[in-house]
Amino acid sequence: MSLISEDLIWWITAFDLPAMGGLFWLIWRTRSEAETAIDELHAILDSRSSQLREGLSAFKLEVAKNYASHSDLRDLEDRLTSHLLRIESKLDRTALKAEAAAREK
């Protein structure tokens, strides 16, 4: 029995402990590399999201400045108002004619 136990102790000392130490070191290194990679990705995502926010803000500002000026909106409002007033006057005339025709009957 002592021969088996001495062989087993020698096996553990010679092969298993260095192998386990190497595996532990690989796991620790892989974990630290993964944490570093995650931190780098987080930094990249933060910078890109801030770039996207800045780009969106610049686009919104450009749209606000260039696509609809106040004078264009005033002109459009004036045109719509004049058209609506004309429609209203036509409806009033039609209603008066219909009322007169109803009285005659």
N, C-alpha and C. Protein backbone atom coordinates (compact mmCIF):
# COMPACT_ATOMS: atom_id res chain seq x y z
N MET A 1 0.80 -1.18 0.00
CA MET A 1 0.00 0.00 0.00
C MET A 1 0.84 1.24 0.00
N SER A 2 1.97 1.19 0.66
CA SER A 2 2.78 2.40 0.70
C SER A 2 3.35 2.72 -0.66
N LEU A 3 3.55 1.71 -1.52
CA LEU A 3 4.04 1.94 -2.88
C LEU A 3 3.00 2.70 -3.70
N ILE A 4 1.74 2.36 -3.55
CA ILE A 4 0.67 3.04 -4.29
C ILE A 4 0.52 4.46 -3.80
N SER A 5 0.54 4.64 -2.50
CA SER A 5 0.37 5.98 -1.99
C SER A 5 1.56 6.87 -2.32
N GLU A 6 2.79 6.29 -2.33
CA GLU A 6 3.95 7.09 -2.72
C GLU A 6 3.90 7.45 -4.20
N ASP A 7 3.46 6.52 -5.03
CA ASP A 7 3.31 6.82 -6.46
C ASP A 7 2.24 7.88 -6.67
N LEU A 8 1.17 7.78 -5.93
CA LEU A 8 0.10 8.77 -6.06
C LEU A 8 0.56 10.15 -5.60
N ILE A 9 1.28 10.22 -4.52
CA ILE A 9 1.81 11.49 -4.04
C ILE A 9 2.82 12.05 -5.04
N TRP A 10 3.67 11.19 -5.59
CA TRP A 10 4.63 11.65 -6.59
C TRP A 10 3.90 12.16 -7.82
N TRP A 11 2.84 11.46 -8.25
CA TRP A 11 2.05 11.87 -9.42
C TRP A 11 1.41 13.23 -9.18
N ILE A 12 0.83 13.42 -8.02
CA ILE A 12 0.19 14.70 -7.69
C ILE A 12 1.23 15.81 -7.65
N THR A 13 2.37 15.54 -7.04
CA THR A 13 3.40 16.56 -6.91
C THR A 13 4.03 16.89 -8.26
N ALA A 14 4.29 15.89 -9.06
CA ALA A 14 5.03 16.10 -10.31
C ALA A 14 4.16 16.63 -11.43
N PHE A 15 2.92 16.18 -11.51
CA PHE A 15 2.11 16.52 -12.69
C PHE A 15 0.85 17.33 -12.35
N ASP A 16 0.10 16.89 -11.37
CA ASP A 16 -1.18 17.52 -11.11
C ASP A 16 -1.05 18.94 -10.57
N LEU A 17 -0.19 19.18 -9.64
CA LEU A 17 -0.07 20.53 -9.09
C LEU A 17 0.39 21.55 -10.13
N PRO A 18 1.43 21.26 -10.93
CA PRO A 18 1.77 22.23 -11.98
C PRO A 18 0.67 22.40 -13.03
N ALA A 19 -0.01 21.29 -13.36
CA ALA A 19 -1.10 21.40 -14.34
C ALA A 19 -2.23 22.24 -13.79
N MET A 20 -2.60 22.04 -12.53
CA MET A 20 -3.66 22.84 -11.91
C MET A 20 -3.24 24.30 -11.79
N GLY A 21 -1.97 24.52 -11.45
CA GLY A 21 -1.47 25.90 -11.39
C GLY A 21 -1.53 26.57 -12.75
N GLY A 22 -1.15 25.83 -13.79
CA GLY A 22 -1.23 26.37 -15.16
C GLY A 22 -2.65 26.66 -15.57
N LEU A 23 -3.58 25.78 -15.25
CA LEU A 23 -4.99 26.02 -15.57
C LEU A 23 -5.54 27.23 -14.80
N PHE A 24 -5.16 27.33 -13.53
CA PHE A 24 -5.58 28.48 -12.75
C PHE A 24 -5.05 29.77 -13.36
N TRP A 25 -3.79 29.75 -13.76
CA TRP A 25 -3.19 30.94 -14.38
C TRP A 25 -3.89 31.29 -15.69
N LEU A 26 -4.22 30.26 -16.53
CA LEU A 26 -4.93 30.51 -17.78
C LEU A 26 -6.32 31.12 -17.53
N ILE A 27 -7.02 30.57 -16.55
CA ILE A 27 -8.35 31.10 -16.24
C ILE A 27 -8.25 32.54 -15.76
N TRP A 28 -7.30 32.81 -14.88
CA TRP A 28 -7.13 34.16 -14.35
C TRP A 28 -6.77 35.14 -15.47
N ARG A 29 -5.85 34.73 -16.36
CA ARG A 29 -5.44 35.61 -17.47
C ARG A 29 -6.60 35.85 -18.44
N THR A 30 -7.35 34.79 -18.75
CA THR A 30 -8.50 34.94 -19.65
C THR A 30 -9.54 35.88 -19.06
N ARG A 31 -9.78 35.75 -17.76
CA ARG A 31 -10.74 36.62 -17.11
C ARG A 31 -10.27 38.07 -17.12
N SER A 32 -9.02 38.30 -16.85
CA SER A 32 -8.51 39.68 -16.85
C SER A 32 -8.53 40.26 -18.26
N GLU A 33 -8.22 39.46 -19.28
CA GLU A 33 -8.29 39.94 -20.66
C GLU A 33 -9.73 40.25 -21.04
N ALA A 34 -10.67 39.41 -20.59
CA ALA A 34 -12.08 39.66 -20.89
C ALA A 34 -12.55 40.95 -20.23
N GLU A 35 -12.15 41.19 -18.99
CA GLU A 35 -12.54 42.43 -18.32
C GLU A 35 -11.95 43.64 -19.01
N THR A 36 -10.70 43.51 -19.47
CA THR A 36 -10.07 44.61 -20.20
C THR A 36 -10.81 44.88 -21.51
N ALA A 37 -11.16 43.80 -22.21
CA ALA A 37 -11.89 43.96 -23.47
C ALA A 37 -13.25 44.59 -23.24
N ILE A 38 -13.93 44.19 -22.18
CA ILE A 38 -15.24 44.76 -21.87
C ILE A 38 -15.10 46.25 -21.55
N ASP A 39 -14.08 46.61 -20.80
CA ASP A 39 -13.86 48.02 -20.50
C ASP A 39 -13.58 48.83 -21.76
N GLU A 40 -12.79 48.27 -22.68
CA GLU A 40 -12.50 48.96 -23.94
C GLU A 40 -13.77 49.11 -24.77
N LEU A 41 -14.58 48.06 -24.84
CA LEU A 41 -15.83 48.14 -25.59
C LEU A 41 -16.78 49.16 -24.98
N HIS A 42 -16.81 49.21 -23.67
CA HIS A 42 -17.66 50.19 -22.99
C HIS A 42 -17.21 51.62 -23.33
N ALA A 43 -15.91 51.84 -23.35
CA ALA A 43 -15.39 53.16 -23.70
C ALA A 43 -15.72 53.51 -25.15
N ILE A 44 -15.58 52.53 -26.04
CA ILE A 44 -15.90 52.76 -27.45
C ILE A 44 -17.37 53.07 -27.63
N LEU A 45 -18.22 52.30 -26.95
CA LEU A 45 -19.66 52.55 -27.05
C LEU A 45 -20.04 53.92 -26.51
N ASP A 46 -19.42 54.32 -25.41
CA ASP A 46 -19.70 55.65 -24.86
C ASP A 46 -19.30 56.74 -25.84
N SER A 47 -18.12 56.60 -26.43
CA SER A 47 -17.67 57.64 -27.37
C SER A 47 -18.54 57.68 -28.62
N ARG A 48 -18.92 56.51 -29.13
CA ARG A 48 -19.77 56.49 -30.32
C ARG A 48 -21.17 57.00 -30.04
N SER A 49 -21.71 56.69 -28.87
CA SER A 49 -23.04 57.20 -28.56
C SER A 49 -23.01 58.72 -28.39
N SER A 50 -21.94 59.25 -27.82
CA SER A 50 -21.84 60.71 -27.70
C SER A 50 -21.67 61.34 -29.09
N GLN A 51 -20.93 60.68 -29.98
CA GLN A 51 -20.81 61.19 -31.35
C GLN A 51 -22.16 61.18 -32.05
N LEU A 52 -22.94 60.11 -31.84
CA LEU A 52 -24.26 60.05 -32.46
C LEU A 52 -25.18 61.13 -31.91
N ARG A 53 -25.11 61.38 -30.60
CA ARG A 53 -25.92 62.44 -30.00
C ARG A 53 -25.55 63.79 -30.59
N GLU A 54 -24.24 64.05 -30.72
CA GLU A 54 -23.80 65.32 -31.28
C GLU A 54 -24.24 65.46 -32.73
N GLY A 55 -24.13 64.37 -33.49
CA GLY A 55 -24.57 64.40 -34.89
C GLY A 55 -26.06 64.65 -35.01
N LEU A 56 -26.84 64.01 -34.16
CA LEU A 56 -28.28 64.21 -34.18
C LEU A 56 -28.64 65.64 -33.80
N SER A 57 -27.95 66.18 -32.81
CA SER A 57 -28.20 67.57 -32.43
C SER A 57 -27.87 68.52 -33.57
N ALA A 58 -26.75 68.27 -34.24
CA ALA A 58 -26.37 69.12 -35.37
C ALA A 58 -27.39 69.02 -36.50
N PHE A 59 -27.89 67.81 -36.75
CA PHE A 59 -28.89 67.63 -37.79
C PHE A 59 -30.19 68.35 -37.43
N LYS A 60 -30.60 68.23 -36.18
CA LYS A 60 -31.82 68.93 -35.76
C LYS A 60 -31.67 70.43 -35.91
N LEU A 61 -30.51 70.94 -35.57
CA LEU A 61 -30.26 72.37 -35.71
C LEU A 61 -30.28 72.78 -37.17
N GLU A 62 -29.69 71.99 -38.03
CA GLU A 62 -29.69 72.28 -39.46
C GLU A 62 -31.11 72.28 -40.00
N VAL A 63 -31.90 71.30 -39.61
CA VAL A 63 -33.29 71.24 -40.06
C VAL A 63 -34.06 72.45 -39.58
N ALA A 64 -33.86 72.82 -38.33
CA ALA A 64 -34.57 73.97 -37.79
C ALA A 64 -34.18 75.26 -38.49
N LYS A 65 -32.93 75.37 -38.89
CA LYS A 65 -32.47 76.60 -39.54
C LYS A 65 -32.86 76.66 -41.01
N ASN A 66 -32.77 75.55 -41.72
CA ASN A 66 -32.85 75.60 -43.18
C ASN A 66 -34.18 75.18 -43.78
N TYR A 67 -34.95 74.39 -43.12
CA TYR A 67 -36.09 73.80 -43.80
C TYR A 67 -37.38 74.61 -43.68
N ALA A 68 -37.58 75.32 -42.62
CA ALA A 68 -38.82 76.08 -42.49
C ALA A 68 -38.50 77.40 -41.79
N SER A 69 -38.43 78.44 -42.58
CA SER A 69 -38.15 79.75 -41.97
C SER A 69 -39.46 80.37 -41.51
N HIS A 70 -39.36 81.37 -40.67
CA HIS A 70 -40.55 82.04 -40.14
C HIS A 70 -41.32 82.75 -41.25
N SER A 71 -40.61 83.34 -42.17
CA SER A 71 -41.31 84.06 -43.25
C SER A 71 -42.09 83.07 -44.12
N ASP A 72 -41.51 81.90 -44.39
CA ASP A 72 -42.23 80.89 -45.17
C ASP A 72 -43.49 80.43 -44.44
N LEU A 73 -43.37 80.25 -43.15
CA LEU A 73 -44.55 79.84 -42.38
C LEU A 73 -45.62 80.92 -42.36
N ARG A 74 -45.21 82.18 -42.25
CA ARG A 74 -46.18 83.29 -42.28
C ARG A 74 -46.89 83.36 -43.63
N ASP A 75 -46.11 83.21 -44.71
CA ASP A 75 -46.72 83.22 -46.05
C ASP A 75 -47.73 82.08 -46.21
N LEU A 76 -47.36 80.91 -45.73
CA LEU A 76 -48.27 79.76 -45.82
C LEU A 76 -49.53 80.00 -44.99
N GLU A 77 -49.35 80.56 -43.81
CA GLU A 77 -50.51 80.85 -42.95
C GLU A 77 -51.42 81.88 -43.61
N ASP A 78 -50.83 82.90 -44.22
CA ASP A 78 -51.64 83.92 -44.91
C ASP A 78 -52.41 83.32 -46.07
N ARG A 79 -51.76 82.47 -46.84
CA ARG A 79 -52.45 81.83 -47.97
C ARG A 79 -53.59 80.94 -47.49
N LEU A 80 -53.33 80.17 -46.45
CA LEU A 80 -54.39 79.30 -45.93
C LEU A 80 -55.55 80.12 -45.38
N THR A 81 -55.24 81.18 -44.69
CA THR A 81 -56.29 82.03 -44.13
C THR A 81 -57.13 82.65 -45.24
N SER A 82 -56.49 83.14 -46.29
CA SER A 82 -57.25 83.74 -47.39
C SER A 82 -58.12 82.70 -48.09
N HIS A 83 -57.60 81.49 -48.27
CA HIS A 83 -58.42 80.44 -48.89
C HIS A 83 -59.60 80.08 -48.00
N LEU A 84 -59.37 79.98 -46.71
CA LEU A 84 -60.46 79.64 -45.80
C LEU A 84 -61.50 80.75 -45.76
N LEU A 85 -61.07 82.00 -45.83
CA LEU A 85 -62.04 83.10 -45.86
C LEU A 85 -62.88 83.08 -47.14
N ARG A 86 -62.25 82.75 -48.25
CA ARG A 86 -63.01 82.65 -49.50
C ARG A 86 -64.01 81.51 -49.44
N ILE A 87 -63.58 80.38 -48.88
CA ILE A 87 -64.51 79.25 -48.74
C ILE A 87 -65.67 79.62 -47.83
N GLU A 88 -65.37 80.31 -46.75
CA GLU A 88 -66.41 80.74 -45.81
C GLU A 88 -67.41 81.68 -46.49
N SER A 89 -66.90 82.61 -47.28
CA SER A 89 -67.82 83.54 -47.95
C SER A 89 -68.69 82.81 -48.98
N LYS A 90 -68.12 81.83 -49.67
CA LYS A 90 -68.92 81.05 -50.62
C LYS A 90 -69.99 80.25 -49.89
N LEU A 91 -69.62 79.69 -48.74
CA LEU A 91 -70.61 78.93 -47.97
C LEU A 91 -71.71 79.84 -47.46
N ASP A 92 -71.34 81.05 -47.06
CA ASP A 92 -72.35 82.01 -46.59
C ASP A 92 -73.32 82.37 -47.72
N ARG A 93 -72.78 82.64 -48.91
CA ARG A 93 -73.64 82.97 -50.06
C ARG A 93 -74.55 81.79 -50.41
N THR A 94 -74.01 80.59 -50.37
CA THR A 94 -74.81 79.40 -50.69
C THR A 94 -75.90 79.21 -49.65
N ALA A 95 -75.56 79.44 -48.38
CA ALA A 95 -76.57 79.30 -47.32
C ALA A 95 -77.66 80.33 -47.47
N LEU A 96 -77.30 81.57 -47.84
CA LEU A 96 -78.31 82.62 -48.04
C LEU A 96 -79.21 82.28 -49.23
N LYS A 97 -78.63 81.76 -50.30
CA LYS A 97 -79.45 81.36 -51.46
C LYS A 97 -80.38 80.22 -51.09
N ALA A 98 -79.88 79.26 -50.33
CA ALA A 98 -80.72 78.13 -49.95
C ALA A 98 -81.84 78.59 -49.01
N GLU A 99 -81.55 79.53 -48.15
CA GLU A 99 -82.55 80.07 -47.23
C GLU A 99 -83.62 80.83 -48.01
N ALA A 100 -83.19 81.62 -48.98
CA ALA A 100 -84.16 82.36 -49.81
C ALA A 100 -85.04 81.42 -50.62
N ALA A 101 -84.43 80.37 -51.15
CA ALA A 101 -85.19 79.40 -51.94
C ALA A 101 -86.19 78.66 -51.05
N ALA A 102 -85.82 78.42 -49.80
CA ALA A 102 -86.72 77.72 -48.88
C ALA A 102 -87.89 78.61 -48.51
N ARG A 103 -87.70 79.91 -48.42
CA ARG A 103 -88.78 80.85 -48.09
C ARG A 103 -89.79 80.95 -49.23
N GLU A 104 -89.29 80.88 -50.46
CA GLU A 104 -90.16 81.01 -51.61
C GLU A 104 -91.08 79.81 -51.76
N LYS A 105 -90.68 78.71 -51.27
CA LYS A 105 -91.51 77.50 -51.42
C LYS A 105 -92.59 77.49 -50.44
